[in-house]
Amino acid sequence: MIRDYEPGDEGEVVAVWRRASAVGHPFLEEEFLEREEQALRDVYL
């Protein structure tokens, strides 16, 4: 069962996003993913 997001989940959520992005979009450069990771943290979480 999936539960609601809690602030303590941020690290794991970002890690899952990074792994999924690497698998789903292998053409994306590391620099781009780093910028988007920060945006994920700042804007969406």
C-alpha atoms as a PDB file:
ATOM      1  CA  MET A   1       0.000   0.000   0.000  1.00  0.00           C
ATOM      2  CA  ILE A   2       1.244   3.478  -0.812  1.00  0.00           C
ATOM      3  CA  ARG A   3       0.925   6.012   1.961  1.00  0.00           C
ATOM      4  CA  ASP A   4       0.906   9.805   1.890  1.00  0.00           C
ATOM      5  CA  TYR A   5       4.217  11.608   1.495  1.00  0.00           C
ATOM      6  CA  GLU A   6       5.928  12.778   4.670  1.00  0.00           C
ATOM      7  CA  PRO A   7       8.842  15.260   4.800  1.00  0.00           C
ATOM      8  CA  GLY A   8      11.184  12.526   6.035  1.00  0.00           C
ATOM      9  CA  ASP A   9      10.609  10.669   2.753  1.00  0.00           C
ATOM     10  CA  GLU A  10      12.379  13.273   0.632  1.00  0.00           C
ATOM     11  CA  GLY A  11      15.679  11.431   0.260  1.00  0.00           C
ATOM     12  CA  GLU A  12      14.069   8.179  -0.833  1.00  0.00           C
ATOM     13  CA  VAL A  13      11.627   9.921  -3.180  1.00  0.00           C
ATOM     14  CA  VAL A  14      14.491  11.745  -4.882  1.00  0.00           C
ATOM     15  CA  ALA A  15      16.531   8.535  -5.113  1.00  0.00           C
ATOM     16  CA  VAL A  16      13.630   6.723  -6.791  1.00  0.00           C
ATOM     17  CA  TRP A  17      13.170   9.639  -9.191  1.00  0.00           C
ATOM     18  CA  ARG A  18      16.891   9.582 -10.094  1.00  0.00           C
ATOM     19  CA  ARG A  19      16.908   5.842 -10.754  1.00  0.00           C
ATOM     20  CA  ALA A  20      13.726   6.018 -12.814  1.00  0.00           C
ATOM     21  CA  SER A  21      15.054   8.977 -14.804  1.00  0.00           C
ATOM     22  CA  ALA A  22      18.301   7.141 -15.575  1.00  0.00           C
ATOM     23  CA  VAL A  23      16.414   4.066 -16.797  1.00  0.00           C
ATOM     24  CA  GLY A  24      13.672   5.904 -18.655  1.00  0.00           C
ATOM     25  CA  HIS A  25      15.827   8.665 -20.141  1.00  0.00           C
ATOM     26  CA  PRO A  26      19.402   7.347 -20.507  1.00  0.00           C
ATOM     27  CA  PHE A  27      20.253  10.194 -22.891  1.00  0.00           C
ATOM     28  CA  LEU A  28      19.939  12.851 -20.164  1.00  0.00           C
ATOM     29  CA  GLU A  29      23.243  14.266 -18.970  1.00  0.00           C
ATOM     30  CA  GLU A  30      24.246  14.141 -15.308  1.00  0.00           C
ATOM     31  CA  GLU A  31      24.398  17.940 -15.094  1.00  0.00           C
ATOM     32  CA  PHE A  32      20.784  18.207 -16.251  1.00  0.00           C
ATOM     33  CA  LEU A  33      19.645  15.583 -13.738  1.00  0.00           C
ATOM     34  CA  GLU A  34      21.414  17.428 -10.929  1.00  0.00           C
ATOM     35  CA  ARG A  35      19.593  20.657 -11.795  1.00  0.00           C
ATOM     36  CA  GLU A  36      16.270  18.873 -12.054  1.00  0.00           C
ATOM     37  CA  GLU A  37      16.868  17.072  -8.769  1.00  0.00           C
ATOM     38  CA  GLN A  38      17.269  20.425  -7.056  1.00  0.00           C
ATOM     39  CA  ALA A  39      14.096  21.697  -8.730  1.00  0.00           C
ATOM     40  CA  LEU A  40      12.278  18.570  -7.569  1.00  0.00           C
ATOM     41  CA  ARG A  41      13.320  19.307  -3.999  1.00  0.00           C
ATOM     42  CA  ASP A  42      12.634  23.062  -4.157  1.00  0.00           C
ATOM     43  CA  VAL A  43       9.427  23.164  -6.203  1.00  0.00           C
ATOM     44  CA  TYR A  44       7.621  19.861  -5.995  1.00  0.00           C
ATOM     45  CA  LEU A  45       8.454  18.514  -2.549  1.00  0.00           C
END
